[in-house]
Amino acid sequence: MHFQQLTLMVKNLEESIEFYETITELTISNRFKAGPGEIVFLKNGSGETEIELVCMPQMDKFEGKGFFICFITDKLDAMHKFAQNKGLNPSDIRKPDAENRYFYVYDPDGVSVQLKQKL
């Protein structure tokens, strides 16, 4: 068993797409209109990680309090600098033990996104 997909209700689809494409390096695999709204699927290159962004004017939007998503990266320092340069106010890089380093940044809807490096 493995985790397949996460769906997020978003306020501004374009802002969310830009955030996830740049911070997590996911790319659009499918995009379509759905009634008055729009749905976008973003995947990594191998397809094992997928996020669905749903923007529907009539639906409640998720506010990311108390929730976070973790992505593994091998270029933590470069991504931290990138997040700083984009004005995303990332946390400091933390090293809780000899095997892990990470930082957090918030997506446009307040979801805490952790980028983590396994040492």
PDB file of N, CA and C in Angstrom:
ATOM      1  N   MET A   1       0.844  -1.167   0.000  1.00  0.00           N
ATOM      2  CA  MET A   1       0.000   0.000   0.000  1.00  0.00           C
ATOM      3  C   MET A   1       0.893   1.235   0.000  1.00  0.00           C
ATOM      4  N   HIS A   2       0.461   2.269  -0.687  1.00  0.00           N
ATOM      5  CA  HIS A   2       1.171   3.537  -0.654  1.00  0.00           C
ATOM      6  C   HIS A   2       0.180   4.680  -0.835  1.00  0.00           C
ATOM      7  N   PHE A   3       0.613   5.870  -0.468  1.00  0.00           N
ATOM      8  CA  PHE A   3      -0.205   7.061  -0.597  1.00  0.00           C
ATOM      9  C   PHE A   3      -0.182   7.527  -2.042  1.00  0.00           C
ATOM     10  N   GLN A   4      -1.332   7.745  -2.647  1.00  0.00           N
ATOM     11  CA  GLN A   4      -1.420   8.082  -4.063  1.00  0.00           C
ATOM     12  C   GLN A   4      -1.559   9.574  -4.320  1.00  0.00           C
ATOM     13  N   GLN A   5      -2.480  10.239  -3.629  1.00  0.00           N
ATOM     14  CA  GLN A   5      -2.848  11.590  -4.047  1.00  0.00           C
ATOM     15  C   GLN A   5      -3.361  12.403  -2.878  1.00  0.00           C
ATOM     16  N   LEU A   6      -3.139  13.704  -2.959  1.00  0.00           N
ATOM     17  CA  LEU A   6      -3.668  14.659  -2.000  1.00  0.00           C
ATOM     18  C   LEU A   6      -4.457  15.693  -2.788  1.00  0.00           C
ATOM     19  N   THR A   7      -5.670  16.003  -2.343  1.00  0.00           N
ATOM     20  CA  THR A   7      -6.492  17.014  -2.995  1.00  0.00           C
ATOM     21  C   THR A   7      -6.596  18.227  -2.090  1.00  0.00           C
ATOM     22  N   LEU A   8      -6.352  19.404  -2.664  1.00  0.00           N
ATOM     23  CA  LEU A   8      -6.447  20.659  -1.918  1.00  0.00           C
ATOM     24  C   LEU A   8      -7.440  21.584  -2.611  1.00  0.00           C
ATOM     25  N   MET A   9      -8.367  22.125  -1.847  1.00  0.00           N
ATOM     26  CA  MET A   9      -9.266  23.151  -2.352  1.00  0.00           C
ATOM     27  C   MET A   9      -8.521  24.469  -2.219  1.00  0.00           C
ATOM     28  N   VAL A  10      -8.367  25.203  -3.325  1.00  0.00           N
ATOM     29  CA  VAL A  10      -7.551  26.413  -3.314  1.00  0.00           C
ATOM     30  C   VAL A  10      -8.367  27.639  -3.694  1.00  0.00           C
ATOM     31  N   LYS A  11      -7.916  28.788  -3.232  1.00  0.00           N
ATOM     32  CA  LYS A  11      -8.591  30.056  -3.538  1.00  0.00           C
ATOM     33  C   LYS A  11      -8.191  30.577  -4.912  1.00  0.00           C
ATOM     34  N   ASN A  12      -6.885  30.527  -5.205  1.00  0.00           N
ATOM     35  CA  ASN A  12      -6.366  31.075  -6.450  1.00  0.00           C
ATOM     36  C   ASN A  12      -5.549  29.979  -7.136  1.00  0.00           C
ATOM     37  N   LEU A  13      -6.101  29.431  -8.193  1.00  0.00           N
ATOM     38  CA  LEU A  13      -5.484  28.292  -8.860  1.00  0.00           C
ATOM     39  C   LEU A  13      -4.101  28.632  -9.416  1.00  0.00           C
ATOM     40  N   GLU A  14      -3.964  29.775 -10.064  1.00  0.00           N
ATOM     41  CA  GLU A  14      -2.681  30.125 -10.678  1.00  0.00           C
ATOM     42  C   GLU A  14      -1.580  30.295  -9.635  1.00  0.00           C
ATOM     43  N   GLU A  15      -1.883  30.936  -8.509  1.00  0.00           N
ATOM     44  CA  GLU A  15      -0.893  31.083  -7.434  1.00  0.00           C
ATOM     45  C   GLU A  15      -0.476  29.721  -6.885  1.00  0.00           C
ATOM     46  N   SER A  16      -1.431  28.838  -6.707  1.00  0.00           N
ATOM     47  CA  SER A  16      -1.131  27.515  -6.176  1.00  0.00           C
ATOM     48  C   SER A  16      -0.309  26.690  -7.156  1.00  0.00           C
ATOM     49  N   ILE A  17      -0.642  26.772  -8.439  1.00  0.00           N
ATOM     50  CA  ILE A  17       0.139  26.060  -9.442  1.00  0.00           C
ATOM     51  C   ILE A  17       1.582  26.549  -9.420  1.00  0.00           C
ATOM     52  N   GLU A  18       1.770  27.858  -9.433  1.00  0.00           N
ATOM     53  CA  GLU A  18       3.132  28.412  -9.426  1.00  0.00           C
ATOM     54  C   GLU A  18       3.903  27.950  -8.193  1.00  0.00           C
ATOM     55  N   PHE A  19       3.249  27.988  -7.030  1.00  0.00           N
ATOM     56  CA  PHE A  19       3.917  27.569  -5.796  1.00  0.00           C
ATOM     57  C   PHE A  19       4.377  26.114  -5.897  1.00  0.00           C
ATOM     58  N   TYR A  20       3.476  25.203  -6.225  1.00  0.00           N
ATOM     59  CA  TYR A  20       3.824  23.781  -6.230  1.00  0.00           C
ATOM     60  C   TYR A  20       4.774  23.417  -7.369  1.00  0.00           C
ATOM     61  N   GLU A  21       4.669  24.101  -8.507  1.00  0.00           N
ATOM     62  CA  GLU A  21       5.627  23.833  -9.579  1.00  0.00           C
ATOM     63  C   GLU A  21       7.038  24.273  -9.185  1.00  0.00           C
ATOM     64  N   THR A  22       7.156  25.401  -8.501  1.00  0.00           N
ATOM     65  CA  THR A  22       8.488  25.904  -8.184  1.00  0.00           C
ATOM     66  C   THR A  22       9.064  25.311  -6.909  1.00  0.00           C
ATOM     67  N   ILE A  23       8.275  25.177  -5.864  1.00  0.00           N
ATOM     68  CA  ILE A  23       8.802  24.696  -4.587  1.00  0.00           C
ATOM     69  C   ILE A  23       8.948  23.176  -4.552  1.00  0.00           C
ATOM     70  N   THR A  24       8.002  22.455  -5.117  1.00  0.00           N
ATOM     71  CA  THR A  24       8.061  20.988  -5.044  1.00  0.00           C
ATOM     72  C   THR A  24       8.496  20.350  -6.362  1.00  0.00           C
ATOM     73  N   GLU A  25       8.636  21.159  -7.408  1.00  0.00           N
ATOM     74  CA  GLU A  25       9.044  20.694  -8.728  1.00  0.00           C
ATOM     75  C   GLU A  25       8.071  19.682  -9.342  1.00  0.00           C
ATOM     76  N   LEU A  26       6.809  19.742  -8.934  1.00  0.00           N
ATOM     77  CA  LEU A  26       5.776  18.949  -9.592  1.00  0.00           C
ATOM     78  C   LEU A  26       5.374  19.685 -10.865  1.00  0.00           C
ATOM     79  N   THR A  27       4.879  18.947 -11.855  1.00  0.00           N
ATOM     80  CA  THR A  27       4.448  19.566 -13.106  1.00  0.00           C
ATOM     81  C   THR A  27       3.013  19.160 -13.423  1.00  0.00           C
ATOM     82  N   ILE A  28       2.358  20.001 -14.189  1.00  0.00           N
ATOM     83  CA  ILE A  28       0.961  19.742 -14.556  1.00  0.00           C
ATOM     84  C   ILE A  28       0.887  18.508 -15.445  1.00  0.00           C
ATOM     85  N   SER A  29       0.063  17.562 -15.026  1.00  0.00           N
ATOM     86  CA  SER A  29      -0.160  16.363 -15.834  1.00  0.00           C
ATOM     87  C   SER A  29      -1.543  16.371 -16.476  1.00  0.00           C
ATOM     88  N   ASN A  30      -2.471  17.148 -15.888  1.00  0.00           N
ATOM     89  CA  ASN A  30      -3.825  17.233 -16.431  1.00  0.00           C
ATOM     90  C   ASN A  30      -4.472  18.500 -15.891  1.00  0.00           C
ATOM     91  N   ARG A  31      -5.226  19.167 -16.743  1.00  0.00           N
ATOM     92  CA  ARG A  31      -5.932  20.392 -16.345  1.00  0.00           C
ATOM     93  C   ARG A  31      -7.232  20.453 -17.127  1.00  0.00           C
ATOM     94  N   PHE A  32      -8.344  20.701 -16.398  1.00  0.00           N
ATOM     95  CA  PHE A  32      -9.619  20.756 -17.097  1.00  0.00           C
ATOM     96  C   PHE A  32     -10.638  21.572 -16.302  1.00  0.00           C
ATOM     97  N   LYS A  33     -11.623  22.075 -17.038  1.00  0.00           N
ATOM     98  CA  LYS A  33     -12.751  22.785 -16.441  1.00  0.00           C
ATOM     99  C   LYS A  33     -13.691  21.754 -15.839  1.00  0.00           C
ATOM    100  N   ALA A  34     -14.309  22.133 -14.723  1.00  0.00           N
ATOM    101  CA  ALA A  34     -15.288  21.274 -14.057  1.00  0.00           C
ATOM    102  C   ALA A  34     -16.423  22.177 -13.593  1.00  0.00           C
ATOM    103  N   GLY A  35     -17.447  22.299 -14.401  1.00  0.00           N
ATOM    104  CA  GLY A  35     -18.537  23.217 -14.079  1.00  0.00           C
ATOM    105  C   GLY A  35     -18.000  24.632 -14.019  1.00  0.00           C
ATOM    106  N   PRO A  36     -18.300  25.352 -12.934  1.00  0.00           N
ATOM    107  CA  PRO A  36     -17.825  26.731 -12.826  1.00  0.00           C
ATOM    108  C   PRO A  36     -16.363  26.843 -12.374  1.00  0.00           C
ATOM    109  N   GLY A  37     -15.729  25.724 -12.088  1.00  0.00           N
ATOM    110  CA  GLY A  37     -14.361  25.747 -11.571  1.00  0.00           C
ATOM    111  C   GLY A  37     -13.382  25.050 -12.478  1.00  0.00           C
ATOM    112  N   GLU A  38     -12.237  24.744 -11.886  1.00  0.00           N
ATOM    113  CA  GLU A  38     -11.171  24.105 -12.643  1.00  0.00           C
ATOM    114  C   GLU A  38     -10.388  23.175 -11.724  1.00  0.00           C
ATOM    115  N   ILE A  39      -9.856  22.104 -12.304  1.00  0.00           N
ATOM    116  CA  ILE A  39      -9.075  21.113 -11.567  1.00  0.00           C
ATOM    117  C   ILE A  39      -7.739  20.929 -12.279  1.00  0.00           C
ATOM    118  N   VAL A  40      -6.663  20.866 -11.488  1.00  0.00           N
ATOM    119  CA  VAL A  40      -5.324  20.652 -12.023  1.00  0.00           C
ATOM    120  C   VAL A  40      -4.657  19.540 -11.233  1.00  0.00           C
ATOM    121  N   PHE A  41      -4.057  18.587 -11.932  1.00  0.00           N
ATOM    122  CA  PHE A  41      -3.254  17.542 -11.310  1.00  0.00           C
ATOM    123  C   PHE A  41      -1.790  17.859 -11.568  1.00  0.00           C
ATOM    124  N   LEU A  42      -0.981  17.790 -10.519  1.00  0.00           N
ATOM    125  CA  LEU A  42       0.464  17.980 -10.624  1.00  0.00           C
ATOM    126  C   LEU A  42       1.144  16.707 -10.148  1.00  0.00           C
ATOM    127  N   LYS A  43       2.159  16.251 -10.900  1.00  0.00           N
ATOM    128  CA  LYS A  43       2.869  15.017 -10.543  1.00  0.00           C
ATOM    129  C   LYS A  43       4.370  15.242 -10.617  1.00  0.00           C
ATOM    130  N   ASN A  44       5.093  14.358  -9.926  1.00  0.00           N
ATOM    131  CA  ASN A  44       6.538  14.340 -10.116  1.00  0.00           C
ATOM    132  C   ASN A  44       6.849  13.505 -11.354  1.00  0.00           C
ATOM    133  N   GLY A  45       8.118  13.472 -11.755  1.00  0.00           N
ATOM    134  CA  GLY A  45       8.514  12.799 -12.992  1.00  0.00           C
ATOM    135  C   GLY A  45       8.135  11.342 -13.073  1.00  0.00           C
ATOM    136  N   SER A  46       8.226  10.626 -11.965  1.00  0.00           N
ATOM    137  CA  SER A  46       7.916   9.199 -11.996  1.00  0.00           C
ATOM    138  C   SER A  46       6.440   8.912 -11.724  1.00  0.00           C
ATOM    139  N   GLY A  47       5.674   9.921 -11.336  1.00  0.00           N
ATOM    140  CA  GLY A  47       4.240   9.765 -11.154  1.00  0.00           C
ATOM    141  C   GLY A  47       3.793   9.205  -9.826  1.00  0.00           C
ATOM    142  N   GLU A  48       4.721   8.946  -8.894  1.00  0.00           N
ATOM    143  CA  GLU A  48       4.285   8.368  -7.625  1.00  0.00           C
ATOM    144  C   GLU A  48       3.768   9.419  -6.641  1.00  0.00           C
ATOM    145  N   THR A  49       4.031  10.700  -6.914  1.00  0.00           N
ATOM    146  CA  THR A  49       3.522  11.776  -6.066  1.00  0.00           C
ATOM    147  C   THR A  49       2.585  12.632  -6.895  1.00  0.00           C
ATOM    148  N   GLU A  50       1.369  12.853  -6.388  1.00  0.00           N
ATOM    149  CA  GLU A  50       0.386  13.632  -7.136  1.00  0.00           C
ATOM    150  C   GLU A  50      -0.408  14.520  -6.185  1.00  0.00           C
ATOM    151  N   ILE A  51      -0.580  15.763  -6.594  1.00  0.00           N
ATOM    152  CA  ILE A  51      -1.438  16.703  -5.875  1.00  0.00           C
ATOM    153  C   ILE A  51      -2.508  17.172  -6.842  1.00  0.00           C
ATOM    154  N   GLU A  52      -3.744  17.183  -6.365  1.00  0.00           N
ATOM    155  CA  GLU A  52      -4.862  17.698  -7.142  1.00  0.00           C
ATOM    156  C   GLU A  52      -5.255  19.039  -6.545  1.00  0.00           C
ATOM    157  N   LEU A  53      -5.250  20.082  -7.358  1.00  0.00           N
ATOM    158  CA  LEU A  53      -5.690  21.407  -6.929  1.00  0.00           C
ATOM    159  C   LEU A  53      -7.070  21.651  -7.520  1.00  0.00           C
ATOM    160  N   VAL A  54      -8.028  21.966  -6.659  1.00  0.00           N
ATOM    161  CA  VAL A  54      -9.406  22.179  -7.087  1.00  0.00           C
ATOM    162  C   VAL A  54      -9.800  23.602  -6.724  1.00  0.00           C
ATOM    163  N   CYS A  55     -10.253  24.349  -7.717  1.00  0.00           N
ATOM    164  CA  CYS A  55     -10.716  25.712  -7.493  1.00  0.00           C
ATOM    165  C   CYS A  55     -12.159  25.797  -7.969  1.00  0.00           C
ATOM    166  N   MET A  56     -13.078  25.802  -7.013  1.00  0.00           N
ATOM    167  CA  MET A  56     -14.507  25.871  -7.295  1.00  0.00           C
ATOM    168  C   MET A  56     -15.069  27.062  -6.517  1.00  0.00           C
ATOM    169  N   PRO A  57     -15.602  28.051  -7.206  1.00  0.00           N
ATOM    170  CA  PRO A  57     -16.071  29.254  -6.518  1.00  0.00           C
ATOM    171  C   PRO A  57     -17.081  28.997  -5.396  1.00  0.00           C
ATOM    172  N   GLN A  58     -17.932  27.987  -5.534  1.00  0.00           N
ATOM    173  CA  GLN A  58     -19.002  27.757  -4.566  1.00  0.00           C
ATOM    174  C   GLN A  58     -18.584  26.897  -3.368  1.00  0.00           C
ATOM    175  N   MET A  59     -17.391  26.299  -3.403  1.00  0.00           N
ATOM    176  CA  MET A  59     -16.996  25.373  -2.336  1.00  0.00           C
ATOM    177  C   MET A  59     -16.150  26.064  -1.274  1.00  0.00           C
ATOM    178  N   ASP A  60     -16.228  25.534  -0.046  1.00  0.00           N
ATOM    179  CA  ASP A  60     -15.379  26.022   1.027  1.00  0.00           C
ATOM    180  C   ASP A  60     -13.925  25.744   0.693  1.00  0.00           C
ATOM    181  N   LYS A  61     -13.071  26.649   1.099  1.00  0.00           N
ATOM    182  CA  LYS A  61     -11.642  26.493   0.864  1.00  0.00           C
ATOM    183  C   LYS A  61     -10.984  25.973   2.132  1.00  0.00           C
ATOM    184  N   PHE A  62     -10.006  25.134   1.963  1.00  0.00           N
ATOM    185  CA  PHE A  62      -9.250  24.600   3.085  1.00  0.00           C
ATOM    186  C   PHE A  62      -8.303  25.667   3.605  1.00  0.00           C
ATOM    187  N   GLU A  63      -8.258  25.824   4.910  1.00  0.00           N
ATOM    188  CA  GLU A  63      -7.263  26.694   5.531  1.00  0.00           C
ATOM    189  C   GLU A  63      -6.298  25.772   6.239  1.00  0.00           C
ATOM    190  N   GLY A  64      -5.044  25.841   5.859  1.00  0.00           N
ATOM    191  CA  GLY A  64      -4.057  24.855   6.219  1.00  0.00           C
ATOM    192  C   GLY A  64      -3.592  24.781   7.652  1.00  0.00           C
ATOM    193  N   LYS A  65      -4.325  25.277   8.582  1.00  0.00           N
ATOM    194  CA  LYS A  65      -3.906  25.245   9.985  1.00  0.00           C
ATOM    195  C   LYS A  65      -3.826  23.810  10.504  1.00  0.00           C
ATOM    196  N   GLY A  66      -2.677  23.487  11.104  1.00  0.00           N
ATOM    197  CA  GLY A  66      -2.508  22.173  11.703  1.00  0.00           C
ATOM    198  C   GLY A  66      -2.252  21.042  10.728  1.00  0.00           C
ATOM    199  N   PHE A  67      -1.824  21.373   9.536  1.00  0.00           N
ATOM    200  CA  PHE A  67      -1.644  20.379   8.482  1.00  0.00           C
ATOM    201  C   PHE A  67      -0.357  20.700   7.741  1.00  0.00           C
ATOM    202  N   PHE A  68       0.436  19.670   7.412  1.00  0.00           N
ATOM    203  CA  PHE A  68       1.595  19.928   6.572  1.00  0.00           C
ATOM    204  C   PHE A  68       1.872  18.758   5.643  1.00  0.00           C
ATOM    205  N   ILE A  69       2.585  19.083   4.556  1.00  0.00           N
ATOM    206  CA  ILE A  69       2.988  18.111   3.545  1.00  0.00           C
ATOM    207  C   ILE A  69       4.509  18.100   3.535  1.00  0.00           C
ATOM    208  N   CYS A  70       5.109  16.932   3.449  1.00  0.00           N
ATOM    209  CA  CYS A  70       6.565  16.814   3.428  1.00  0.00           C
ATOM    210  C   CYS A  70       7.030  16.267   2.081  1.00  0.00           C
ATOM    211  N   PHE A  71       8.023  16.931   1.496  1.00  0.00           N
ATOM    212  CA  PHE A  71       8.655  16.491   0.261  1.00  0.00           C
ATOM    213  C   PHE A  71      10.134  16.267   0.529  1.00  0.00           C
ATOM    214  N   ILE A  72      10.673  15.194  -0.008  1.00  0.00           N
ATOM    215  CA  ILE A  72      12.098  14.886   0.120  1.00  0.00           C
ATOM    216  C   ILE A  72      12.840  15.520  -1.056  1.00  0.00           C
ATOM    217  N   THR A  73      13.970  16.162  -0.762  1.00  0.00           N
ATOM    218  CA  THR A  73      14.783  16.780  -1.800  1.00  0.00           C
ATOM    219  C   THR A  73      16.257  16.493  -1.540  1.00  0.00           C
ATOM    220  N   ASP A  74      17.046  16.519  -2.583  1.00  0.00           N
ATOM    221  CA  ASP A  74      18.488  16.370  -2.411  1.00  0.00           C
ATOM    222  C   ASP A  74      19.199  17.713  -2.573  1.00  0.00           C
ATOM    223  N   LYS A  75      18.426  18.790  -2.708  1.00  0.00           N
ATOM    224  CA  LYS A  75      19.009  20.123  -2.854  1.00  0.00           C
ATOM    225  C   LYS A  75      18.351  21.121  -1.895  1.00  0.00           C
ATOM    226  N   LEU A  76      18.385  20.791  -0.632  1.00  0.00           N
ATOM    227  CA  LEU A  76      17.714  21.586   0.393  1.00  0.00           C
ATOM    228  C   LEU A  76      18.228  23.020   0.444  1.00  0.00           C
ATOM    229  N   ASP A  77      19.542  23.212   0.435  1.00  0.00           N
ATOM    230  CA  ASP A  77      20.090  24.563   0.548  1.00  0.00           C
ATOM    231  C   ASP A  77      19.668  25.440  -0.627  1.00  0.00           C
ATOM    232  N   ALA A  78      19.718  24.902  -1.830  1.00  0.00           N
ATOM    233  CA  ALA A  78      19.309  25.663  -3.013  1.00  0.00           C
ATOM    234  C   ALA A  78      17.827  26.005  -2.961  1.00  0.00           C
ATOM    235  N   MET A  79      16.990  25.070  -2.513  1.00  0.00           N
ATOM    236  CA  MET A  79      15.550  25.335  -2.422  1.00  0.00           C
ATOM    237  C   MET A  79      15.248  26.355  -1.328  1.00  0.00           C
ATOM    238  N   HIS A  80      16.013  26.317  -0.244  1.00  0.00           N
ATOM    239  CA  HIS A  80      15.824  27.303   0.825  1.00  0.00           C
ATOM    240  C   HIS A  80      16.146  28.696   0.302  1.00  0.00           C
ATOM    241  N   LYS A  81      17.252  28.825  -0.399  1.00  0.00           N
ATOM    242  CA  LYS A  81      17.639  30.122  -0.970  1.00  0.00           C
ATOM    243  C   LYS A  81      16.597  30.581  -1.991  1.00  0.00           C
ATOM    244  N   PHE A  82      16.112  29.651  -2.814  1.00  0.00           N
ATOM    245  CA  PHE A  82      15.079  29.965  -3.794  1.00  0.00           C
ATOM    246  C   PHE A  82      13.821  30.507  -3.099  1.00  0.00           C
ATOM    247  N   ALA A  83      13.391  29.827  -2.037  1.00  0.00           N
ATOM    248  CA  ALA A  83      12.197  30.271  -1.292  1.00  0.00           C
ATOM    249  C   ALA A  83      12.423  31.654  -0.691  1.00  0.00           C
ATOM    250  N   GLN A  84      13.622  31.917  -0.187  1.00  0.00           N
ATOM    251  CA  GLN A  84      13.943  33.246   0.339  1.00  0.00           C
ATOM    252  C   GLN A  84      13.856  34.291  -0.767  1.00  0.00           C
ATOM    253  N   ASN A  85      14.461  33.999  -1.917  1.00  0.00           N
ATOM    254  CA  ASN A  85      14.470  34.941  -3.038  1.00  0.00           C
ATOM    255  C   ASN A  85      13.076  35.217  -3.584  1.00  0.00           C
ATOM    256  N   LYS A  86      12.178  34.249  -3.468  1.00  0.00           N
ATOM    257  CA  LYS A  86      10.790  34.424  -3.917  1.00  0.00           C
ATOM    258  C   LYS A  86       9.942  35.166  -2.880  1.00  0.00           C
ATOM    259  N   GLY A  87      10.529  35.468  -1.714  1.00  0.00           N
ATOM    260  CA  GLY A  87       9.792  36.173  -0.672  1.00  0.00           C
ATOM    261  C   GLY A  87       8.793  35.303   0.062  1.00  0.00           C
ATOM    262  N   LEU A  88       9.052  33.995   0.130  1.00  0.00           N
ATOM    263  CA  LEU A  88       8.113  33.061   0.757  1.00  0.00           C
ATOM    264  C   LEU A  88       8.347  32.876   2.250  1.00  0.00           C
ATOM    265  N   ASN A  89       9.320  33.566   2.818  1.00  0.00           N
ATOM    266  CA  ASN A  89       9.607  33.527   4.256  1.00  0.00           C
ATOM    267  C   ASN A  89       9.755  32.114   4.810  1.00  0.00           C
ATOM    268  N   PRO A  90      10.681  31.335   4.261  1.00  0.00           N
ATOM    269  CA  PRO A  90      10.872  29.982   4.794  1.00  0.00           C
ATOM    270  C   PRO A  90      11.438  30.024   6.208  1.00  0.00           C
ATOM    271  N   SER A  91      11.185  28.980   6.962  1.00  0.00           N
ATOM    272  CA  SER A  91      11.788  28.861   8.287  1.00  0.00           C
ATOM    273  C   SER A  91      13.295  28.676   8.115  1.00  0.00           C
ATOM    274  N   ASP A  92      14.023  28.773   9.194  1.00  0.00           N
ATOM    275  CA  ASP A  92      15.433  28.423   9.164  1.00  0.00           C
ATOM    276  C   ASP A  92      15.552  26.933   8.867  1.00  0.00           C
ATOM    277  N   ILE A  93      16.684  26.537   8.322  1.00  0.00           N
ATOM    278  CA  ILE A  93      16.941  25.113   8.127  1.00  0.00           C
ATOM    279  C   ILE A  93      17.231  24.506   9.492  1.00  0.00           C
ATOM    280  N   ARG A  94      16.538  23.430   9.796  1.00  0.00           N
ATOM    281  CA  ARG A  94      16.690  22.757  11.084  1.00  0.00           C
ATOM    282  C   ARG A  94      17.330  21.392  10.878  1.00  0.00           C
ATOM    283  N   LYS A  95      18.117  20.972  11.868  1.00  0.00           N
ATOM    284  CA  LYS A  95      18.769  19.659  11.815  1.00  0.00           C
ATOM    285  C   LYS A  95      18.504  18.970  13.154  1.00  0.00           C
ATOM    286  N   PRO A  96      17.376  18.247  13.257  1.00  0.00           N
ATOM    287  CA  PRO A  96      16.987  17.649  14.534  1.00  0.00           C
ATOM    288  C   PRO A  96      17.850  16.459  14.944  1.00  0.00           C
ATOM    289  N   ASP A  97      18.525  15.844  13.974  1.00  0.00           N
ATOM    290  CA  ASP A  97      19.372  14.685  14.261  1.00  0.00           C
ATOM    291  C   ASP A  97      20.411  14.561  13.151  1.00  0.00           C
ATOM    292  N   ALA A  98      21.237  13.558  13.230  1.00  0.00           N
ATOM    293  CA  ALA A  98      22.334  13.388  12.269  1.00  0.00           C
ATOM    294  C   ALA A  98      21.860  12.940  10.889  1.00  0.00           C
ATOM    295  N   GLU A  99      20.593  12.575  10.749  1.00  0.00           N
ATOM    296  CA  GLU A  99      20.110  12.006   9.495  1.00  0.00           C
ATOM    297  C   GLU A  99      19.154  12.892   8.702  1.00  0.00           C
ATOM    298  N   ASN A 100      18.708  14.007   9.279  1.00  0.00           N
ATOM    299  CA  ASN A 100      17.680  14.817   8.621  1.00  0.00           C
ATOM    300  C   ASN A 100      17.954  16.306   8.760  1.00  0.00           C
ATOM    301  N   ARG A 101      17.600  17.039   7.690  1.00  0.00           N
ATOM    302  CA  ARG A 101      17.574  18.502   7.692  1.00  0.00           C
ATOM    303  C   ARG A 101      16.281  18.905   6.997  1.00  0.00           C
ATOM    304  N   TYR A 102      15.682  20.033   7.398  1.00  0.00           N
ATOM    305  CA  TYR A 102      14.443  20.450   6.759  1.00  0.00           C
ATOM    306  C   TYR A 102      14.158  21.924   7.009  1.00  0.00           C
ATOM    307  N   PHE A 103      13.218  22.458   6.228  1.00  0.00           N
ATOM    308  CA  PHE A 103      12.640  23.771   6.503  1.00  0.00           C
ATOM    309  C   PHE A 103      11.183  23.741   6.059  1.00  0.00           C
ATOM    310  N   TYR A 104      10.417  24.736   6.535  1.00  0.00           N
ATOM    311  CA  TYR A 104       9.008  24.866   6.196  1.00  0.00           C
ATOM    312  C   TYR A 104       8.775  26.148   5.423  1.00  0.00           C
ATOM    313  N   VAL A 105       7.775  26.129   4.571  1.00  0.00           N
ATOM    314  CA  VAL A 105       7.288  27.303   3.872  1.00  0.00           C
ATOM    315  C   VAL A 105       5.776  27.107   3.705  1.00  0.00           C
ATOM    316  N   TYR A 106       5.024  28.193   3.657  1.00  0.00           N
ATOM    317  CA  TYR A 106       3.568  28.087   3.520  1.00  0.00           C
ATOM    318  C   TYR A 106       3.124  28.294   2.082  1.00  0.00           C
ATOM    319  N   ASP A 107       2.161  27.469   1.637  1.00  0.00           N
ATOM    320  CA  ASP A 107       1.592  27.654   0.307  1.00  0.00           C
ATOM    321  C   ASP A 107       0.595  28.822   0.358  1.00  0.00           C
ATOM    322  N   PRO A 108       0.040  29.255  -0.778  1.00  0.00           N
ATOM    323  CA  PRO A 108      -0.866  30.414  -0.783  1.00  0.00           C
ATOM    324  C   PRO A 108      -2.113  30.262   0.084  1.00  0.00           C
ATOM    325  N   ASP A 109      -2.491  29.040   0.439  1.00  0.00           N
ATOM    326  CA  ASP A 109      -3.679  28.827   1.269  1.00  0.00           C
ATOM    327  C   ASP A 109      -3.333  28.463   2.707  1.00  0.00           C
ATOM    328  N   GLY A 110      -2.077  28.610   3.093  1.00  0.00           N
ATOM    329  CA  GLY A 110      -1.681  28.386   4.476  1.00  0.00           C
ATOM    330  C   GLY A 110      -1.249  26.978   4.828  1.00  0.00           C
ATOM    331  N   VAL A 111      -1.145  26.086   3.841  1.00  0.00           N
ATOM    332  CA  VAL A 111      -0.668  24.735   4.111  1.00  0.00           C
ATOM    333  C   VAL A 111       0.844  24.810   4.327  1.00  0.00           C
ATOM    334  N   SER A 112       1.313  24.219   5.396  1.00  0.00           N
ATOM    335  CA  SER A 112       2.741  24.186   5.692  1.00  0.00           C
ATOM    336  C   SER A 112       3.393  23.078   4.868  1.00  0.00           C
ATOM    337  N   VAL A 113       4.369  23.455   4.049  1.00  0.00           N
ATOM    338  CA  VAL A 113       5.068  22.511   3.184  1.00  0.00           C
ATOM    339  C   VAL A 113       6.487  22.380   3.707  1.00  0.00           C
ATOM    340  N   GLN A 114       6.870  21.154   4.055  1.00  0.00           N
ATOM    341  CA  GLN A 114       8.204  20.878   4.553  1.00  0.00           C
ATOM    342  C   GLN A 114       9.045  20.302   3.429  1.00  0.00           C
ATOM    343  N   LEU A 115      10.227  20.866   3.228  1.00  0.00           N
ATOM    344  CA  LEU A 115      11.207  20.265   2.328  1.00  0.00           C
ATOM    345  C   LEU A 115      12.275  19.656   3.214  1.00  0.00           C
ATOM    346  N   LYS A 116      12.542  18.380   3.000  1.00  0.00           N
ATOM    347  CA  LYS A 116      13.406  17.619   3.888  1.00  0.00           C
ATOM    348  C   LYS A 116      14.505  16.924   3.093  1.00  0.00           C
ATOM    349  N   GLN A 117      15.676  16.886   3.691  1.00  0.00           N
ATOM    350  CA  GLN A 117      16.814  16.186   3.088  1.00  0.00           C
ATOM    351  C   GLN A 117      17.264  15.087   4.029  1.00  0.00           C
ATOM    352  N   LYS A 118      17.338  13.892   3.502  1.00  0.00           N
ATOM    353  CA  LYS A 118      17.876  12.752   4.265  1.00  0.00           C
ATOM    354  C   LYS A 118      19.381  12.750   4.049  1.00  0.00           C
ATOM    355  N   LEU A 119      20.143  12.712   5.151  1.00  0.00           N
ATOM    356  CA  LEU A 119      21.605  12.730   5.053  1.00  0.00           C
ATOM    357  C   LEU A 119      22.183  11.329   5.033  1.00  0.00           C
TER     358      LEU A 119
END
